């Protein structure tokens, strides 16, 4: 049985918990390297990529490229710092596309 490759990208304090489920963690040190990191993870066959909201906002164009793809599944999770509505808006758009109306 092959293992599904799972990655967690973001602030180290947030993503460490994902080690418990067997995910590979990638703490972000330099925000300018996040785009190339996400592309590298996709090329390496990661099927699920958890990414903190504060980091996801910085790579919005990449996330939108894969928003409706089966793989990789990019899941946005709460991060450190100020909360925004970025993750909620992504989810809302996916639901509208799936069911044809806004259920929020």
PDB file of N, CA and C in Angstrom:
ATOM      1  N   UNK A   1       0.840  -1.179   0.000  1.00  0.00           N
ATOM      2  CA  UNK A   1       0.000   0.000   0.000  1.00  0.00           C
ATOM      3  C   UNK A   1       0.887   1.245   0.000  1.00  0.00           C
ATOM      4  N   UNK A   2       0.644   2.154  -0.936  1.00  0.00           N
ATOM      5  CA  UNK A   2       1.441   3.366  -1.000  1.00  0.00           C
ATOM      6  C   UNK A   2       0.891   4.430  -0.064  1.00  0.00           C
ATOM      7  N   UNK A   3       1.793   5.176   0.475  1.00  0.00           N
ATOM      8  CA  UNK A   3       1.446   6.237   1.412  1.00  0.00           C
ATOM      9  C   UNK A   3       1.112   7.504   0.633  1.00  0.00           C
ATOM     10  N   UNK A   4       0.015   8.155   1.000  1.00  0.00           N
ATOM     11  CA  UNK A   4      -0.327   9.445   0.412  1.00  0.00           C
ATOM     12  C   UNK A   4       0.605  10.494   0.993  1.00  0.00           C
ATOM     13  N   UNK A   5       1.242  11.233   0.135  1.00  0.00           N
ATOM     14  CA  UNK A   5       2.162  12.259   0.608  1.00  0.00           C
ATOM     15  C   UNK A   5       1.373  13.493   1.036  1.00  0.00           C
ATOM     16  N   UNK A   6       1.598  13.898   2.289  1.00  0.00           N
ATOM     17  CA  UNK A   6       0.913  15.048   2.878  1.00  0.00           C
ATOM     18  C   UNK A   6       1.969  16.047   3.339  1.00  0.00           C
ATOM     19  N   UNK A   7       1.740  17.308   3.046  1.00  0.00           N
ATOM     20  CA  UNK A   7       2.661  18.374   3.460  1.00  0.00           C
ATOM     21  C   UNK A   7       1.909  19.427   4.254  1.00  0.00           C
ATOM     22  N   UNK A   8       2.620  20.089   5.150  1.00  0.00           N
ATOM     23  CA  UNK A   8       2.092  21.236   5.878  1.00  0.00           C
ATOM     24  C   UNK A   8       3.091  22.372   5.730  1.00  0.00           C
ATOM     25  N   UNK A   9       2.597  23.518   5.270  1.00  0.00           N
ATOM     26  CA  UNK A   9       3.441  24.675   4.995  1.00  0.00           C
ATOM     27  C   UNK A   9       2.933  25.862   5.803  1.00  0.00           C
ATOM     28  N   UNK A  10       3.835  26.548   6.489  1.00  0.00           N
ATOM     29  CA  UNK A  10       3.423  27.739   7.226  1.00  0.00           C
ATOM     30  C   UNK A  10       4.294  28.012   8.424  1.00  0.00           C
ATOM     31  N   UNK A  11       3.711  28.697   9.395  1.00  0.00           N
ATOM     32  CA  UNK A  11       4.436  29.041  10.603  1.00  0.00           C
ATOM     33  C   UNK A  11       4.712  27.771  11.404  1.00  0.00           C
ATOM     34  N   UNK A  12       5.948  27.613  11.851  1.00  0.00           N
ATOM     35  CA  UNK A  12       6.376  26.380  12.508  1.00  0.00           C
ATOM     36  C   UNK A  12       5.486  26.012  13.693  1.00  0.00           C
ATOM     37  N   UNK A  13       5.105  26.991  14.514  1.00  0.00           N
ATOM     38  CA  UNK A  13       4.282  26.719  15.693  1.00  0.00           C
ATOM     39  C   UNK A  13       2.934  26.112  15.328  1.00  0.00           C
ATOM     40  N   UNK A  14       2.408  26.450  14.178  1.00  0.00           N
ATOM     41  CA  UNK A  14       1.101  25.950  13.743  1.00  0.00           C
ATOM     42  C   UNK A  14       1.216  24.577  13.092  1.00  0.00           C
ATOM     43  N   UNK A  15       2.200  24.394  12.236  1.00  0.00           N
ATOM     44  CA  UNK A  15       2.257  23.171  11.429  1.00  0.00           C
ATOM     45  C   UNK A  15       2.893  21.977  12.135  1.00  0.00           C
ATOM     46  N   UNK A  16       3.547  22.184  13.254  1.00  0.00           N
ATOM     47  CA  UNK A  16       4.171  21.063  13.965  1.00  0.00           C
ATOM     48  C   UNK A  16       3.177  19.957  14.306  1.00  0.00           C
ATOM     49  N   UNK A  17       1.938  20.315  14.572  1.00  0.00           N
ATOM     50  CA  UNK A  17       0.903  19.330  14.926  1.00  0.00           C
ATOM     51  C   UNK A  17       0.702  18.306  13.806  1.00  0.00           C
ATOM     52  N   UNK A  18       0.984  18.690  12.578  1.00  0.00           N
ATOM     53  CA  UNK A  18       0.775  17.795  11.440  1.00  0.00           C
ATOM     54  C   UNK A  18       1.781  16.650  11.392  1.00  0.00           C
ATOM     55  N   UNK A  19       2.879  16.769  12.123  1.00  0.00           N
ATOM     56  CA  UNK A  19       3.822  15.647  12.215  1.00  0.00           C
ATOM     57  C   UNK A  19       3.126  14.434  12.826  1.00  0.00           C
ATOM     58  N   UNK A  20       2.152  14.694  13.709  1.00  0.00           N
ATOM     59  CA  UNK A  20       1.421  13.621  14.377  1.00  0.00           C
ATOM     60  C   UNK A  20       0.600  12.763  13.433  1.00  0.00           C
ATOM     61  N   UNK A  21       0.238  13.296  12.274  1.00  0.00           N
ATOM     62  CA  UNK A  21      -0.522  12.500  11.304  1.00  0.00           C
ATOM     63  C   UNK A  21       0.377  11.997  10.174  1.00  0.00           C
ATOM     64  N   UNK A  22       1.677  12.192  10.350  1.00  0.00           N
ATOM     65  CA  UNK A  22       2.620  11.691   9.360  1.00  0.00           C
ATOM     66  C   UNK A  22       2.909  12.634   8.213  1.00  0.00           C
ATOM     67  N   UNK A  23       2.505  13.882   8.346  1.00  0.00           N
ATOM     68  CA  UNK A  23       2.769  14.857   7.291  1.00  0.00           C
ATOM     69  C   UNK A  23       4.216  15.334   7.359  1.00  0.00           C
ATOM     70  N   UNK A  24       4.733  15.693   6.213  1.00  0.00           N
ATOM     71  CA  UNK A  24       6.039  16.342   6.153  1.00  0.00           C
ATOM     72  C   UNK A  24       5.803  17.822   6.369  1.00  0.00           C
ATOM     73  N   UNK A  25       6.576  18.435   7.255  1.00  0.00           N
ATOM     74  CA  UNK A  25       6.355  19.845   7.541  1.00  0.00           C
ATOM     75  C   UNK A  25       7.420  20.708   6.882  1.00  0.00           C
ATOM     76  N   UNK A  26       6.982  21.883   6.448  1.00  0.00           N
ATOM     77  CA  UNK A  26       7.848  22.832   5.770  1.00  0.00           C
ATOM     78  C   UNK A  26       7.619  24.217   6.367  1.00  0.00           C
ATOM     79  N   UNK A  27       8.353  24.516   7.462  1.00  0.00           N
ATOM     80  CA  UNK A  27       8.205  25.843   8.069  1.00  0.00           C
ATOM     81  C   UNK A  27       8.687  26.933   7.111  1.00  0.00           C
ATOM     82  N   UNK A  28       7.935  27.999   7.031  1.00  0.00           N
ATOM     83  CA  UNK A  28       8.289  29.101   6.145  1.00  0.00           C
ATOM     84  C   UNK A  28       9.200  30.067   6.886  1.00  0.00           C
ATOM     85  N   UNK A  29      10.385  30.238   6.334  1.00  0.00           N
ATOM     86  CA  UNK A  29      11.352  31.178   6.893  1.00  0.00           C
ATOM     87  C   UNK A  29      11.381  32.433   6.032  1.00  0.00           C
ATOM     88  N   UNK A  30      11.355  32.233   4.732  1.00  0.00           N
ATOM     89  CA  UNK A  30      11.432  33.344   3.785  1.00  0.00           C
ATOM     90  C   UNK A  30      10.189  33.302   2.897  1.00  0.00           C
ATOM     91  N   UNK A  31       9.325  34.280   3.044  1.00  0.00           N
ATOM     92  CA  UNK A  31       8.059  34.303   2.314  1.00  0.00           C
ATOM     93  C   UNK A  31       8.265  34.315   0.799  1.00  0.00           C
ATOM     94  N   UNK A  32       9.383  34.843   0.333  1.00  0.00           N
ATOM     95  CA  UNK A  32       9.630  34.906  -1.109  1.00  0.00           C
ATOM     96  C   UNK A  32       9.893  33.525  -1.717  1.00  0.00           C
ATOM     97  N   UNK A  33      10.154  32.525  -0.883  1.00  0.00           N
ATOM     98  CA  UNK A  33      10.435  31.180  -1.379  1.00  0.00           C
ATOM     99  C   UNK A  33       9.206  30.263  -1.382  1.00  0.00           C
ATOM    100  N   UNK A  34       8.075  30.765  -0.915  1.00  0.00           N
ATOM    101  CA  UNK A  34       6.884  29.925  -0.770  1.00  0.00           C
ATOM    102  C   UNK A  34       6.366  29.448  -2.121  1.00  0.00           C
ATOM    103  N   UNK A  35       6.315  30.316  -3.107  1.00  0.00           N
ATOM    104  CA  UNK A  35       5.821  29.919  -4.435  1.00  0.00           C
ATOM    105  C   UNK A  35       6.612  28.745  -4.992  1.00  0.00           C
ATOM    106  N   UNK A  36       7.932  28.843  -4.937  1.00  0.00           N
ATOM    107  CA  UNK A  36       8.749  27.753  -5.476  1.00  0.00           C
ATOM    108  C   UNK A  36       8.605  26.490  -4.622  1.00  0.00           C
ATOM    109  N   UNK A  37       8.410  26.641  -3.320  1.00  0.00           N
ATOM    110  CA  UNK A  37       8.203  25.482  -2.447  1.00  0.00           C
ATOM    111  C   UNK A  37       6.911  24.751  -2.813  1.00  0.00           C
ATOM    112  N   UNK A  38       5.825  25.479  -2.987  1.00  0.00           N
ATOM    113  CA  UNK A  38       4.540  24.864  -3.345  1.00  0.00           C
ATOM    114  C   UNK A  38       4.666  24.135  -4.686  1.00  0.00           C
ATOM    115  N   UNK A  39       5.275  24.765  -5.660  1.00  0.00           N
ATOM    116  CA  UNK A  39       5.464  24.129  -6.972  1.00  0.00           C
ATOM    117  C   UNK A  39       6.301  22.855  -6.848  1.00  0.00           C
ATOM    118  N   UNK A  40       7.331  22.903  -6.009  1.00  0.00           N
ATOM    119  CA  UNK A  40       8.196  21.732  -5.784  1.00  0.00           C
ATOM    120  C   UNK A  40       7.402  20.596  -5.143  1.00  0.00           C
ATOM    121  N   UNK A  41       6.574  20.913  -4.152  1.00  0.00           N
ATOM    122  CA  UNK A  41       5.775  19.881  -3.490  1.00  0.00           C
ATOM    123  C   UNK A  41       4.808  19.216  -4.466  1.00  0.00           C
ATOM    124  N   UNK A  42       4.223  20.009  -5.335  1.00  0.00           N
ATOM    125  CA  UNK A  42       3.301  19.463  -6.343  1.00  0.00           C
ATOM    126  C   UNK A  42       4.049  18.534  -7.289  1.00  0.00           C
ATOM    127  N   UNK A  43       5.229  18.955  -7.757  1.00  0.00           N
ATOM    128  CA  UNK A  43       6.040  18.119  -8.650  1.00  0.00           C
ATOM    129  C   UNK A  43       6.462  16.820  -7.978  1.00  0.00           C
ATOM    130  N   UNK A  44       6.692  16.875  -6.651  1.00  0.00           N
ATOM    131  CA  UNK A  44       7.125  15.688  -5.917  1.00  0.00           C
ATOM    132  C   UNK A  44       5.965  14.756  -5.565  1.00  0.00           C
ATOM    133  N   UNK A  45       4.757  15.116  -5.969  1.00  0.00           N
ATOM    134  CA  UNK A  45       3.630  14.210  -5.807  1.00  0.00           C
ATOM    135  C   UNK A  45       2.857  14.309  -4.498  1.00  0.00           C
ATOM    136  N   UNK A  46       2.961  15.429  -3.804  1.00  0.00           N
ATOM    137  CA  UNK A  46       2.159  15.594  -2.591  1.00  0.00           C
ATOM    138  C   UNK A  46       0.699  15.726  -2.992  1.00  0.00           C
ATOM    139  N   UNK A  47      -0.165  14.918  -2.387  1.00  0.00           N
ATOM    140  CA  UNK A  47      -1.582  14.900  -2.734  1.00  0.00           C
ATOM    141  C   UNK A  47      -2.390  15.886  -1.890  1.00  0.00           C
ATOM    142  N   UNK A  48      -1.960  16.113  -0.643  1.00  0.00           N
ATOM    143  CA  UNK A  48      -2.639  17.044   0.248  1.00  0.00           C
ATOM    144  C   UNK A  48      -1.598  18.017   0.777  1.00  0.00           C
ATOM    145  N   UNK A  49      -1.889  19.306   0.640  1.00  0.00           N
ATOM    146  CA  UNK A  49      -0.989  20.333   1.144  1.00  0.00           C
ATOM    147  C   UNK A  49      -1.793  21.255   2.048  1.00  0.00           C
ATOM    148  N   UNK A  50      -1.476  21.224   3.335  1.00  0.00           N
ATOM    149  CA  UNK A  50      -2.067  22.157   4.287  1.00  0.00           C
ATOM    150  C   UNK A  50      -1.200  23.402   4.268  1.00  0.00           C
ATOM    151  N   UNK A  51      -1.828  24.562   4.237  1.00  0.00           N
ATOM    152  CA  UNK A  51      -1.069  25.807   4.217  1.00  0.00           C
ATOM    153  C   UNK A  51      -1.787  26.822   5.099  1.00  0.00           C
ATOM    154  N   UNK A  52      -1.012  27.513   5.938  1.00  0.00           N
ATOM    155  CA  UNK A  52      -1.633  28.477   6.835  1.00  0.00           C
ATOM    156  C   UNK A  52      -2.167  29.667   6.037  1.00  0.00           C
ATOM    157  N   UNK A  53      -3.226  30.254   6.560  1.00  0.00           N
ATOM    158  CA  UNK A  53      -3.929  31.327   5.856  1.00  0.00           C
ATOM    159  C   UNK A  53      -3.027  32.526   5.556  1.00  0.00           C
ATOM    160  N   UNK A  54      -2.210  32.907   6.512  1.00  0.00           N
ATOM    161  CA  UNK A  54      -1.344  34.071   6.302  1.00  0.00           C
ATOM    162  C   UNK A  54      -0.343  33.831   5.176  1.00  0.00           C
ATOM    163  N   UNK A  55       0.114  32.605   5.038  1.00  0.00           N
ATOM    164  CA  UNK A  55       1.048  32.260   3.962  1.00  0.00           C
ATOM    165  C   UNK A  55       0.277  32.084   2.646  1.00  0.00           C
ATOM    166  N   UNK A  56      -0.888  31.466   2.717  1.00  0.00           N
ATOM    167  CA  UNK A  56      -1.691  31.211   1.509  1.00  0.00           C
ATOM    168  C   UNK A  56      -2.037  32.497   0.776  1.00  0.00           C
ATOM    169  N   UNK A  57      -2.308  33.549   1.529  1.00  0.00           N
ATOM    170  CA  UNK A  57      -2.630  34.824   0.887  1.00  0.00           C
ATOM    171  C   UNK A  57      -1.489  35.322   0.007  1.00  0.00           C
ATOM    172  N   UNK A  58      -0.277  34.976   0.361  1.00  0.00           N
ATOM    173  CA  UNK A  58       0.903  35.431  -0.395  1.00  0.00           C
ATOM    174  C   UNK A  58       1.091  34.656  -1.699  1.00  0.00           C
ATOM    175  N   UNK A  59       0.504  33.459  -1.791  1.00  0.00           N
ATOM    176  CA  UNK A  59       0.640  32.629  -2.996  1.00  0.00           C
ATOM    177  C   UNK A  59      -0.729  32.343  -3.607  1.00  0.00           C
ATOM    178  N   UNK A  60      -1.593  33.335  -3.536  1.00  0.00           N
ATOM    179  CA  UNK A  60      -2.971  33.208  -4.006  1.00  0.00           C
ATOM    180  C   UNK A  60      -3.071  32.700  -5.445  1.00  0.00           C
ATOM    181  N   UNK A  61      -2.211  33.179  -6.318  1.00  0.00           N
ATOM    182  CA  UNK A  61      -2.295  32.775  -7.732  1.00  0.00           C
ATOM    183  C   UNK A  61      -2.044  31.280  -7.903  1.00  0.00           C
ATOM    184  N   UNK A  62      -1.122  30.722  -7.140  1.00  0.00           N
ATOM    185  CA  UNK A  62      -0.853  29.280  -7.224  1.00  0.00           C
ATOM    186  C   UNK A  62      -2.037  28.494  -6.658  1.00  0.00           C
ATOM    187  N   UNK A  63      -2.562  28.934  -5.547  1.00  0.00           N
ATOM    188  CA  UNK A  63      -3.699  28.247  -4.934  1.00  0.00           C
ATOM    189  C   UNK A  63      -4.885  28.229  -5.892  1.00  0.00           C
ATOM    190  N   UNK A  64      -5.134  29.338  -6.544  1.00  0.00           N
ATOM    191  CA  UNK A  64      -6.265  29.412  -7.484  1.00  0.00           C
ATOM    192  C   UNK A  64      -6.064  28.508  -8.702  1.00  0.00           C
ATOM    193  N   UNK A  65      -4.813  28.244  -9.084  1.00  0.00           N
ATOM    194  CA  UNK A  65      -4.546  27.328 -10.204  1.00  0.00           C
ATOM    195  C   UNK A  65      -5.036  25.916  -9.884  1.00  0.00           C
ATOM    196  N   UNK A  66      -4.941  25.529  -8.622  1.00  0.00           N
ATOM    197  CA  UNK A  66      -5.266  24.162  -8.223  1.00  0.00           C
ATOM    198  C   UNK A  66      -6.548  24.069  -7.417  1.00  0.00           C
ATOM    199  N   UNK A  67      -7.305  25.148  -7.356  1.00  0.00           N
ATOM    200  CA  UNK A  67      -8.491  25.225  -6.506  1.00  0.00           C
ATOM    201  C   UNK A  67      -9.512  24.133  -6.816  1.00  0.00           C
ATOM    202  N   UNK A  68      -9.706  23.825  -8.062  1.00  0.00           N
ATOM    203  CA  UNK A  68     -10.728  22.848  -8.436  1.00  0.00           C
ATOM    204  C   UNK A  68     -10.140  21.522  -8.916  1.00  0.00           C
ATOM    205  N   UNK A  69      -8.854  21.330  -8.667  1.00  0.00           N
ATOM    206  CA  UNK A  69      -8.208  20.064  -9.013  1.00  0.00           C
ATOM    207  C   UNK A  69      -8.432  19.054  -7.896  1.00  0.00           C
ATOM    208  N   UNK A  70      -8.475  17.791  -8.270  1.00  0.00           N
ATOM    209  CA  UNK A  70      -8.571  16.739  -7.265  1.00  0.00           C
ATOM    210  C   UNK A  70      -7.245  16.657  -6.513  1.00  0.00           C
ATOM    211  N   UNK A  71      -6.151  16.614  -7.263  1.00  0.00           N
ATOM    212  CA  UNK A  71      -4.823  16.597  -6.657  1.00  0.00           C
ATOM    213  C   UNK A  71      -3.961  17.667  -7.284  1.00  0.00           C
ATOM    214  N   UNK A  72      -3.228  18.398  -6.516  1.00  0.00           N
ATOM    215  CA  UNK A  72      -3.184  18.335  -5.065  1.00  0.00           C
ATOM    216  C   UNK A  72      -4.400  19.032  -4.460  1.00  0.00           C
ATOM    217  N   UNK A  73      -4.769  18.572  -3.305  1.00  0.00           N
ATOM    218  CA  UNK A  73      -5.820  19.241  -2.547  1.00  0.00           C
ATOM    219  C   UNK A  73      -5.116  20.209  -1.601  1.00  0.00           C
ATOM    220  N   UNK A  74      -5.328  21.491  -1.816  1.00  0.00           N
ATOM    221  CA  UNK A  74      -4.698  22.507  -0.974  1.00  0.00           C
ATOM    222  C   UNK A  74      -5.726  22.975   0.045  1.00  0.00           C
ATOM    223  N   UNK A  75      -5.416  22.733   1.312  1.00  0.00           N
ATOM    224  CA  UNK A  75      -6.333  23.034   2.411  1.00  0.00           C
ATOM    225  C   UNK A  75      -5.756  24.198   3.207  1.00  0.00           C
ATOM    226  N   UNK A  76      -6.537  25.264   3.329  1.00  0.00           N
ATOM    227  CA  UNK A  76      -6.075  26.439   4.049  1.00  0.00           C
ATOM    228  C   UNK A  76      -6.533  26.341   5.500  1.00  0.00           C
ATOM    229  N   UNK A  77      -5.582  26.538   6.422  1.00  0.00           N
ATOM    230  CA  UNK A  77      -5.862  26.435   7.847  1.00  0.00           C
ATOM    231  C   UNK A  77      -5.544  27.774   8.519  1.00  0.00           C
ATOM    232  N   UNK A  78      -6.145  28.033   9.689  1.00  0.00           N
ATOM    233  CA  UNK A  78      -5.832  29.294  10.390  1.00  0.00           C
ATOM    234  C   UNK A  78      -4.349  29.389  10.706  1.00  0.00           C
ATOM    235  N   UNK A  79      -3.834  30.596  10.649  1.00  0.00           N
ATOM    236  CA  UNK A  79      -2.423  30.819  10.932  1.00  0.00           C
ATOM    237  C   UNK A  79      -2.241  31.775  12.085  1.00  0.00           C
ATOM    238  N   UNK A  80      -1.031  32.245  12.227  1.00  0.00           N
ATOM    239  CA  UNK A  80      -0.731  33.232  13.255  1.00  0.00           C
ATOM    240  C   UNK A  80      -1.050  34.624  12.724  1.00  0.00           C
ATOM    241  N   UNK A  81      -1.177  35.553  13.623  1.00  0.00           N
ATOM    242  CA  UNK A  81      -1.379  36.938  13.203  1.00  0.00           C
ATOM    243  C   UNK A  81      -2.843  37.271  13.001  1.00  0.00           C
ATOM    244  N   UNK A  82      -3.047  38.377  12.320  1.00  0.00           N
ATOM    245  CA  UNK A  82      -4.390  38.893  12.099  1.00  0.00           C
ATOM    246  C   UNK A  82      -5.204  37.947  11.222  1.00  0.00           C
ATOM    247  N   UNK A  83      -6.424  37.695  11.630  1.00  0.00           N
ATOM    248  CA  UNK A  83      -7.307  36.820  10.866  1.00  0.00           C
ATOM    249  C   UNK A  83      -7.922  37.599   9.709  1.00  0.00           C
ATOM    250  N   UNK A  84      -8.087  36.919   8.601  1.00  0.00           N
ATOM    251  CA  UNK A  84      -8.732  37.544   7.441  1.00  0.00           C
ATOM    252  C   UNK A  84      -9.825  36.608   6.958  1.00  0.00           C
ATOM    253  N   UNK A  85     -10.510  37.020   5.948  1.00  0.00           N
ATOM    254  CA  UNK A  85     -11.594  36.199   5.408  1.00  0.00           C
ATOM    255  C   UNK A  85     -11.138  35.402   4.192  1.00  0.00           C
ATOM    256  N   UNK A  86      -9.844  35.304   3.986  1.00  0.00           N
ATOM    257  CA  UNK A  86      -9.309  34.627   2.804  1.00  0.00           C
ATOM    258  C   UNK A  86      -9.799  33.184   2.698  1.00  0.00           C
ATOM    259  N   UNK A  87      -9.617  32.393   3.753  1.00  0.00           N
ATOM    260  CA  UNK A  87     -10.013  30.979   3.718  1.00  0.00           C
ATOM    261  C   UNK A  87     -11.518  30.830   3.533  1.00  0.00           C
ATOM    262  N   UNK A  88     -12.285  31.672   4.201  1.00  0.00           N
ATOM    263  CA  UNK A  88     -13.745  31.616   4.078  1.00  0.00           C
ATOM    264  C   UNK A  88     -14.174  31.928   2.654  1.00  0.00           C
ATOM    265  N   UNK A  89     -13.545  32.918   2.021  1.00  0.00           N
ATOM    266  CA  UNK A  89     -13.885  33.265   0.638  1.00  0.00           C
ATOM    267  C   UNK A  89     -13.548  32.143  -0.336  1.00  0.00           C
ATOM    268  N   UNK A  90     -12.414  31.474  -0.131  1.00  0.00           N
ATOM    269  CA  UNK A  90     -12.046  30.337  -0.976  1.00  0.00           C
ATOM    270  C   UNK A  90     -13.093  29.223  -0.841  1.00  0.00           C
ATOM    271  N   UNK A  91     -13.463  28.918   0.399  1.00  0.00           N
ATOM    272  CA  UNK A  91     -14.472  27.885   0.650  1.00  0.00           C
ATOM    273  C   UNK A  91     -15.814  28.278   0.045  1.00  0.00           C
ATOM    274  N   UNK A  92     -16.196  29.518   0.227  1.00  0.00           N
ATOM    275  CA  UNK A  92     -17.472  30.010  -0.306  1.00  0.00           C
ATOM    276  C   UNK A  92     -17.526  29.855  -1.828  1.00  0.00           C
ATOM    277  N   UNK A  93     -16.451  30.230  -2.514  1.00  0.00           N
ATOM    278  CA  UNK A  93     -16.413  30.101  -3.971  1.00  0.00           C
ATOM    279  C   UNK A  93     -16.486  28.645  -4.419  1.00  0.00           C
ATOM    280  N   UNK A  94     -15.851  27.749  -3.683  1.00  0.00           N
ATOM    281  CA  UNK A  94     -15.910  26.318  -4.017  1.00  0.00           C
ATOM    282  C   UNK A  94     -17.333  25.780  -3.851  1.00  0.00           C
ATOM    283  N   UNK A  95     -18.010  26.202  -2.805  1.00  0.00           N
ATOM    284  CA  UNK A  95     -19.390  25.748  -2.570  1.00  0.00           C
ATOM    285  C   UNK A  95     -20.315  26.285  -3.650  1.00  0.00           C
ATOM    286  N   UNK A  96     -20.170  27.561  -4.007  1.00  0.00           N
ATOM    287  CA  UNK A  96     -20.998  28.126  -5.065  1.00  0.00           C
ATOM    288  C   UNK A  96     -20.796  27.360  -6.364  1.00  0.00           C
ATOM    289  N   UNK A  97     -19.552  27.037  -6.683  1.00  0.00           N
ATOM    290  CA  UNK A  97     -19.282  26.289  -7.908  1.00  0.00           C
ATOM    291  C   UNK A  97     -19.896  24.886  -7.835  1.00  0.00           C
ATOM    292  N   UNK A  98     -19.834  24.260  -6.667  1.00  0.00           N
ATOM    293  CA  UNK A  98     -20.332  22.883  -6.522  1.00  0.00           C
ATOM    294  C   UNK A  98     -21.858  22.806  -6.536  1.00  0.00           C
ATOM    295  N   UNK A  99     -22.533  23.698  -5.817  1.00  0.00           N
ATOM    296  CA  UNK A  99     -23.992  23.586  -5.686  1.00  0.00           C
ATOM    297  C   UNK A  99     -24.758  24.652  -6.435  1.00  0.00           C
ATOM    298  N   UNK A 100     -24.079  25.664  -6.943  1.00  0.00           N
ATOM    299  CA  UNK A 100     -24.752  26.662  -7.754  1.00  0.00           C
ATOM    300  C   UNK A 100     -25.342  27.833  -6.983  1.00  0.00           C
ATOM    301  N   UNK A 101     -25.178  27.844  -5.668  1.00  0.00           N
ATOM    302  CA  UNK A 101     -25.669  28.986  -4.891  1.00  0.00           C
ATOM    303  C   UNK A 101     -24.854  29.147  -3.621  1.00  0.00           C
ATOM    304  N   UNK A 102     -24.970  30.334  -3.051  1.00  0.00           N
ATOM    305  CA  UNK A 102     -24.243  30.656  -1.825  1.00  0.00           C
ATOM    306  C   UNK A 102     -25.053  30.176  -0.632  1.00  0.00           C
ATOM    307  N   UNK A 103     -24.537  29.191   0.100  1.00  0.00           N
ATOM    308  CA  UNK A 103     -25.260  28.646   1.243  1.00  0.00           C
ATOM    309  C   UNK A 103     -24.888  29.329   2.550  1.00  0.00           C
ATOM    310  N   UNK A 104     -23.925  30.260   2.487  1.00  0.00           N
ATOM    311  CA  UNK A 104     -23.538  30.968   3.710  1.00  0.00           C
ATOM    312  C   UNK A 104     -24.555  32.018   4.025  1.00  0.00           C
TER     313      UNK A 104
END
